[in-house]
Amino acid sequence: MAVSVIPAYRVVSHFAKQSENLPAMDAVDAIEDRTRDYVRNLLSTLHPSFVEMGQRTAVTQLGDPSVPVLLAALDDLEAGEAREIADRALDKAVKALSRPDLNSRIFLFPGDGESSVLLNQMNGVLGFSLGAQATLVFVWPVENWQNWLSYTVIHEYAHLVRNLLFPRGIAGGKLVYMKTQEPETLLDAMIAEGVADAFALSVMSEVNPPWTDALDDEETERIWPRIRRRLGVSDPTEIRRMLFGDNDRVPQWAGYTLGYRMVMSYLERQPDSTLAQAALLPGSAILAGSRYADS
């Protein structure tokens, strides 16, 4: 069993070169169609719901690229050794949290060079896990993208490990734990992200993710009671709103920040527990062992 990095951006580069002489929107359609088929073949061993999700995500994250701009970005990824950087990051992650029973692939795709979320909020790199067998990582070469690629690969590796231990499927539009048939809750999602960020930061310190410390004391005091009463919510839209914020009543990255703080609080209160051990615990156990259980 092993985890490997697949430089899927090289195949997308081939699709882009095949479409160079087409009218602009015809070229986009051709690249999109070929990418969709390619992703379906890559993920053919996964559950059909994950295959469909992977296809949709890959096409959405690709956007509506100008072929010359896309090819230039793909050349930058190649010249910047994206695959080699991801391989080294993965090696560090595996050494820090070994799971010989994990069999997965991390696919590197180009992202949307016109997406302000990808470029400005995510520093050019965005990860998306599909169970324990596959992760899609979308990259666009902006300043310091190589370090953020390393961080994201390590972060997503932690998700793969937790997905192996707590396997989930899709039922009724929700993520459902296969062993218990219970839906994923906001608490589960917050802890999963908190563990992944704590793990990634323990392996590399060259970046400073804004989503791990996005709330000041006043914002924390205001938003925590609202999130606390929703910890058992399983509606994906509400979970996403609490994690990412809503540009209204929920500050940006609120759930990410509080999830990370819960994990760090757990480790402070449980000095005999390591991060590698905490990564194997359900969210309820980490909450119970943190100071947030008292508030």
Protein backbone atom coordinates (compact mmCIF):
# COMPACT_ATOMS: atom_id res chain seq x y z
CA MET A 1 0.00 0.00 0.00
CA ALA A 2 1.24 3.50 -0.73
CA VAL A 3 0.32 7.11 -1.43
CA SER A 4 1.57 8.63 -4.67
CA VAL A 5 1.50 11.96 -6.50
CA ILE A 6 0.10 12.07 -10.04
CA PRO A 7 1.04 15.17 -12.13
CA ALA A 8 -2.31 15.38 -13.93
CA TYR A 9 -1.46 18.94 -15.03
CA ARG A 10 0.81 17.42 -17.68
CA VAL A 11 -2.14 15.68 -19.30
CA VAL A 12 -4.22 18.89 -19.15
CA SER A 13 -1.30 20.64 -20.85
CA HIS A 14 -1.61 18.11 -23.68
CA PHE A 15 -5.35 18.85 -23.92
CA ALA A 16 -4.63 22.58 -24.07
CA LYS A 17 -2.06 22.16 -26.84
CA GLN A 18 -4.55 20.11 -28.85
CA SER A 19 -7.04 22.99 -28.57
CA GLU A 20 -4.71 25.89 -29.41
CA ASN A 21 -6.09 26.49 -32.90
CA LEU A 22 -9.77 26.41 -31.94
CA PRO A 23 -11.88 29.53 -31.29
CA ALA A 24 -11.55 30.61 -27.64
CA MET A 25 -14.77 29.16 -26.22
CA ASP A 26 -14.56 26.05 -28.39
CA ALA A 27 -11.09 25.49 -26.95
CA VAL A 28 -12.45 25.80 -23.41
CA ASP A 29 -15.22 23.31 -24.22
CA ALA A 30 -12.71 20.86 -25.68
CA ILE A 31 -10.37 21.08 -22.69
CA GLU A 32 -13.30 20.73 -20.30
CA ASP A 33 -14.71 17.67 -22.07
CA ARG A 34 -11.34 15.93 -22.21
CA THR A 35 -10.59 16.79 -18.59
CA ARG A 36 -13.96 15.42 -17.49
CA ASP A 37 -13.30 12.14 -19.31
CA TYR A 38 -9.77 11.99 -17.92
CA VAL A 39 -10.96 12.48 -14.35
CA ARG A 40 -13.64 9.81 -14.80
CA ASN A 41 -10.96 7.34 -15.87
CA LEU A 42 -8.62 8.34 -13.05
CA LEU A 43 -11.31 7.83 -10.43
CA SER A 44 -12.97 4.79 -11.98
CA THR A 45 -12.32 2.60 -8.92
CA LEU A 46 -14.13 5.00 -6.56
CA HIS A 47 -17.81 5.04 -5.68
CA PRO A 48 -19.82 6.69 -8.51
CA SER A 49 -20.79 9.59 -6.24
CA PHE A 50 -17.11 10.43 -5.70
CA VAL A 51 -16.40 10.08 -9.41
CA GLU A 52 -19.16 12.56 -10.23
CA MET A 53 -17.98 14.91 -7.50
CA GLY A 54 -14.41 14.72 -8.76
CA GLN A 55 -15.43 15.46 -12.35
CA ARG A 56 -17.56 18.40 -11.29
CA THR A 57 -14.85 19.81 -9.05
CA ALA A 58 -12.10 19.48 -11.67
CA VAL A 59 -14.16 21.25 -14.32
CA THR A 60 -15.34 23.97 -11.92
CA GLN A 61 -11.81 24.65 -10.68
CA LEU A 62 -10.48 24.81 -14.24
CA GLY A 63 -12.79 27.74 -15.00
CA ASP A 64 -12.83 29.34 -18.48
CA PRO A 65 -9.14 29.59 -19.25
CA SER A 66 -7.45 31.40 -22.07
CA VAL A 67 -5.39 28.67 -23.72
CA PRO A 68 -2.18 30.74 -23.97
CA VAL A 69 -2.50 31.83 -20.32
CA LEU A 70 -3.21 28.27 -19.21
CA LEU A 71 -0.23 26.90 -21.14
CA ALA A 72 2.05 29.54 -19.65
CA ALA A 73 0.87 28.64 -16.13
CA LEU A 74 1.37 24.93 -16.82
CA ASP A 75 4.89 25.66 -18.05
CA ASP A 76 5.50 27.52 -14.77
CA LEU A 77 4.29 24.51 -12.78
CA GLU A 78 6.63 22.26 -14.71
CA ALA A 79 9.58 24.62 -14.40
CA GLY A 80 8.78 25.10 -10.70
CA GLU A 81 8.91 21.32 -10.15
CA ALA A 82 5.36 20.99 -8.84
CA ARG A 83 5.43 17.20 -8.90
CA GLU A 84 8.80 17.00 -7.14
CA ILE A 85 7.70 19.50 -4.47
CA ALA A 86 4.54 17.48 -3.82
CA ASP A 87 6.55 14.26 -3.62
CA ARG A 88 8.89 15.73 -1.00
CA ALA A 89 5.99 17.10 1.03
CA LEU A 90 4.23 13.75 0.92
CA ASP A 91 7.39 12.00 2.09
CA LYS A 92 7.54 14.32 5.12
CA ALA A 93 3.88 13.70 5.90
CA VAL A 94 4.22 9.92 5.70
CA LYS A 95 7.25 9.97 7.99
CA ALA A 96 5.34 12.06 10.56
CA LEU A 97 2.15 9.96 10.41
CA SER A 98 2.76 6.56 8.86
CA ARG A 99 -0.23 4.56 7.61
CA PRO A 100 0.99 1.49 5.69
CA ASP A 101 -2.65 0.54 5.10
CA LEU A 102 -3.40 3.78 3.22
CA ASN A 103 -3.59 3.34 -0.56
CA SER A 104 -4.28 6.67 -2.22
CA ARG A 105 -3.32 9.08 -4.99
CA ILE A 106 -2.90 12.84 -4.92
CA PHE A 107 -3.68 14.36 -8.31
CA LEU A 108 -2.20 17.75 -9.22
CA PHE A 109 -4.40 19.79 -11.56
CA PRO A 110 -4.25 23.39 -12.77
CA GLY A 111 -6.65 25.71 -10.98
CA ASP A 112 -8.64 28.69 -12.19
CA GLY A 113 -6.28 31.58 -12.84
CA GLU A 114 -9.20 34.02 -12.63
CA SER A 115 -10.49 32.84 -9.25
CA SER A 116 -9.94 35.40 -6.50
CA VAL A 117 -10.61 32.68 -3.92
CA LEU A 118 -7.83 30.49 -5.28
CA LEU A 119 -5.36 33.28 -5.97
CA ASN A 120 -5.94 35.58 -2.99
CA GLN A 121 -7.51 33.53 -0.21
CA MET A 122 -5.86 30.15 -0.86
CA ASN A 123 -2.48 31.42 -2.09
CA GLY A 124 -2.79 29.59 -5.39
CA VAL A 125 -3.40 26.08 -4.01
CA LEU A 126 -6.64 24.31 -3.08
CA GLY A 127 -7.17 20.69 -1.99
CA PHE A 128 -10.26 18.50 -2.19
CA SER A 129 -10.37 14.96 -0.78
CA LEU A 130 -12.56 12.19 -2.18
CA GLY A 131 -12.68 9.66 0.60
CA ALA A 132 -9.44 7.89 1.49
CA GLN A 133 -8.39 6.95 -2.03
CA ALA A 134 -7.98 10.23 -3.86
CA THR A 135 -7.29 13.93 -3.39
CA LEU A 136 -7.47 16.60 -6.06
CA VAL A 137 -5.06 19.50 -5.59
CA PHE A 138 -5.53 22.56 -7.80
CA VAL A 139 -2.56 24.85 -8.35
CA TRP A 140 -2.00 28.19 -10.04
CA PRO A 141 1.50 29.71 -9.92
CA VAL A 142 1.33 32.83 -7.76
CA GLU A 143 3.94 34.17 -5.34
CA ASN A 144 5.19 31.46 -2.94
CA TRP A 145 2.99 28.79 -4.52
CA GLN A 146 5.60 26.11 -3.97
CA ASN A 147 5.46 26.43 -0.17
CA TRP A 148 1.67 26.48 -0.24
CA LEU A 149 1.66 23.38 -2.42
CA SER A 150 3.81 21.61 0.15
CA TYR A 151 1.52 22.72 2.96
CA THR A 152 -1.62 21.64 1.11
CA VAL A 153 -0.26 18.19 0.29
CA ILE A 154 0.60 17.62 3.96
CA HIS A 155 -2.78 19.01 5.05
CA GLU A 156 -4.62 16.76 2.61
CA TYR A 157 -2.60 13.73 3.68
CA ALA A 158 -4.02 14.19 7.18
CA HIS A 159 -7.50 14.20 5.66
CA LEU A 160 -6.75 10.97 3.79
CA VAL A 161 -5.69 9.31 7.05
CA ARG A 162 -8.85 10.42 8.87
CA ASN A 163 -10.98 9.38 5.89
CA LEU A 164 -9.41 5.94 6.14
CA LEU A 165 -10.20 5.69 9.85
CA PHE A 166 -13.65 7.27 9.59
CA PRO A 167 -14.86 6.32 6.10
CA ARG A 168 -17.73 8.35 4.69
CA GLY A 169 -20.09 8.07 1.78
CA ILE A 170 -22.70 10.34 0.26
CA ALA A 171 -26.37 9.77 1.06
CA GLY A 172 -29.20 12.22 0.64
CA GLY A 173 -26.82 15.04 -0.25
CA LYS A 174 -24.86 14.62 3.00
CA LEU A 175 -21.60 12.96 4.00
CA VAL A 176 -22.47 9.92 6.12
CA TYR A 177 -20.11 7.78 8.21
CA MET A 178 -20.26 4.30 6.76
CA LYS A 179 -19.66 2.47 10.04
CA THR A 180 -22.44 4.22 11.99
CA GLN A 181 -24.64 5.71 9.24
CA GLU A 182 -24.51 8.97 11.19
CA PRO A 183 -24.11 12.16 9.14
CA GLU A 184 -21.01 14.30 9.39
CA THR A 185 -21.60 17.25 11.71
CA LEU A 186 -20.16 20.72 11.96
CA LEU A 187 -18.03 19.55 14.90
CA ASP A 188 -16.63 16.69 12.81
CA ALA A 189 -15.73 19.06 9.97
CA MET A 190 -14.14 21.63 12.29
CA ILE A 191 -11.99 19.03 14.01
CA ALA A 192 -10.99 17.41 10.72
CA GLU A 193 -9.75 20.76 9.43
CA GLY A 194 -8.14 21.63 12.76
CA VAL A 195 -6.24 18.34 12.84
CA ALA A 196 -5.12 18.76 9.23
CA ASP A 197 -3.83 22.29 9.86
CA ALA A 198 -2.16 21.39 13.15
CA PHE A 199 -0.48 18.44 11.47
CA ALA A 200 0.68 20.45 8.46
CA LEU A 201 2.08 23.21 10.67
CA SER A 202 3.92 20.66 12.78
CA VAL A 203 5.63 19.29 9.66
CA MET A 204 6.46 22.61 7.99
CA SER A 205 6.50 26.17 9.33
CA GLU A 206 7.32 28.14 6.19
CA VAL A 207 3.76 29.41 5.78
CA ASN A 208 1.22 31.14 8.02
CA PRO A 209 -2.33 30.04 7.12
CA PRO A 210 -4.70 32.95 7.82
CA TRP A 211 -7.59 30.56 8.51
CA THR A 212 -5.94 29.22 11.69
CA ASP A 213 -6.00 32.61 13.43
CA ALA A 214 -8.75 34.64 11.81
CA LEU A 215 -10.65 35.73 14.95
CA ASP A 216 -9.68 38.29 17.55
CA ASP A 217 -10.94 38.03 21.13
CA GLU A 218 -14.05 40.11 20.50
CA GLU A 219 -15.03 38.09 17.42
CA THR A 220 -14.37 34.83 19.25
CA GLU A 221 -16.58 35.85 22.17
CA ARG A 222 -19.37 36.77 19.78
CA ILE A 223 -19.24 33.85 17.36
CA TRP A 224 -18.37 30.87 19.59
CA PRO A 225 -21.83 30.61 21.27
CA ARG A 226 -23.45 30.67 17.81
CA ILE A 227 -21.17 27.95 16.49
CA ARG A 228 -21.40 25.91 19.70
CA ARG A 229 -25.17 25.58 19.42
CA ARG A 230 -24.73 24.33 15.85
CA LEU A 231 -21.99 21.74 16.47
CA GLY A 232 -24.45 18.92 15.82
CA VAL A 233 -25.75 20.40 12.55
CA SER A 234 -25.35 18.08 9.54
CA ASP A 235 -26.67 20.31 6.75
CA PRO A 236 -23.74 20.78 4.30
CA THR A 237 -24.72 24.36 3.49
CA GLU A 238 -24.74 25.36 7.15
CA ILE A 239 -21.48 23.51 7.81
CA ARG A 240 -19.84 25.39 4.96
CA ARG A 241 -21.21 28.71 6.22
CA MET A 242 -19.78 28.13 9.69
CA LEU A 243 -16.42 26.96 8.36
CA PHE A 244 -15.81 29.62 5.75
CA GLY A 245 -17.97 32.51 6.95
CA ASP A 246 -20.82 34.19 5.11
CA ASN A 247 -19.73 37.85 4.71
CA ASP A 248 -22.54 38.71 7.11
CA ARG A 249 -22.96 37.32 10.63
CA VAL A 250 -20.22 34.69 10.50
CA PRO A 251 -16.63 36.01 10.13
CA GLN A 252 -14.42 34.56 7.44
CA TRP A 253 -12.74 31.27 8.44
CA ALA A 254 -14.57 31.17 11.80
CA GLY A 255 -15.01 27.39 11.87
CA TYR A 256 -11.48 26.73 10.66
CA THR A 257 -9.97 28.93 13.37
CA LEU A 258 -12.05 27.46 16.17
CA GLY A 259 -11.43 23.91 14.97
CA TYR A 260 -7.69 24.52 15.01
CA ARG A 261 -7.89 26.08 18.47
CA MET A 262 -9.87 23.10 19.77
CA VAL A 263 -7.17 20.72 18.58
CA MET A 264 -4.36 22.81 20.06
CA SER A 265 -6.29 23.17 23.32
CA TYR A 266 -6.75 19.41 23.47
CA LEU A 267 -3.01 18.88 23.07
CA GLU A 268 -2.26 21.46 25.78
CA ARG A 269 -4.65 19.74 28.21
CA GLN A 270 -3.50 16.23 27.31
CA PRO A 271 0.30 16.52 27.56
CA ASP A 272 0.79 12.78 27.14
CA SER A 273 -1.02 12.79 23.79
CA THR A 274 0.81 13.51 20.55
CA LEU A 275 -0.63 15.14 17.46
CA ALA A 276 -0.28 11.84 15.60
CA GLN A 277 -2.44 10.21 18.28
CA ALA A 278 -4.96 13.05 18.27
CA ALA A 279 -5.30 12.70 14.50
CA LEU A 280 -6.83 9.28 15.09
CA LEU A 281 -9.55 10.49 17.50
CA PRO A 282 -13.15 11.40 16.68
CA GLY A 283 -14.11 15.04 16.94
CA SER A 284 -16.21 14.49 20.05
CA ALA A 285 -13.18 13.18 21.98
CA ILE A 286 -11.06 16.18 21.03
CA LEU A 287 -13.78 18.63 22.01
CA ALA A 288 -14.29 16.84 25.33
CA GLY A 289 -10.59 17.07 26.13
CA SER A 290 -10.27 20.75 25.23
CA ARG A 291 -11.12 23.93 27.11
CA TYR A 292 -14.02 24.47 24.69
CA ALA A 293 -15.94 21.71 26.50
CA ASP A 294 -16.09 24.06 29.51
CA SER A 295 -17.38 27.12 27.68
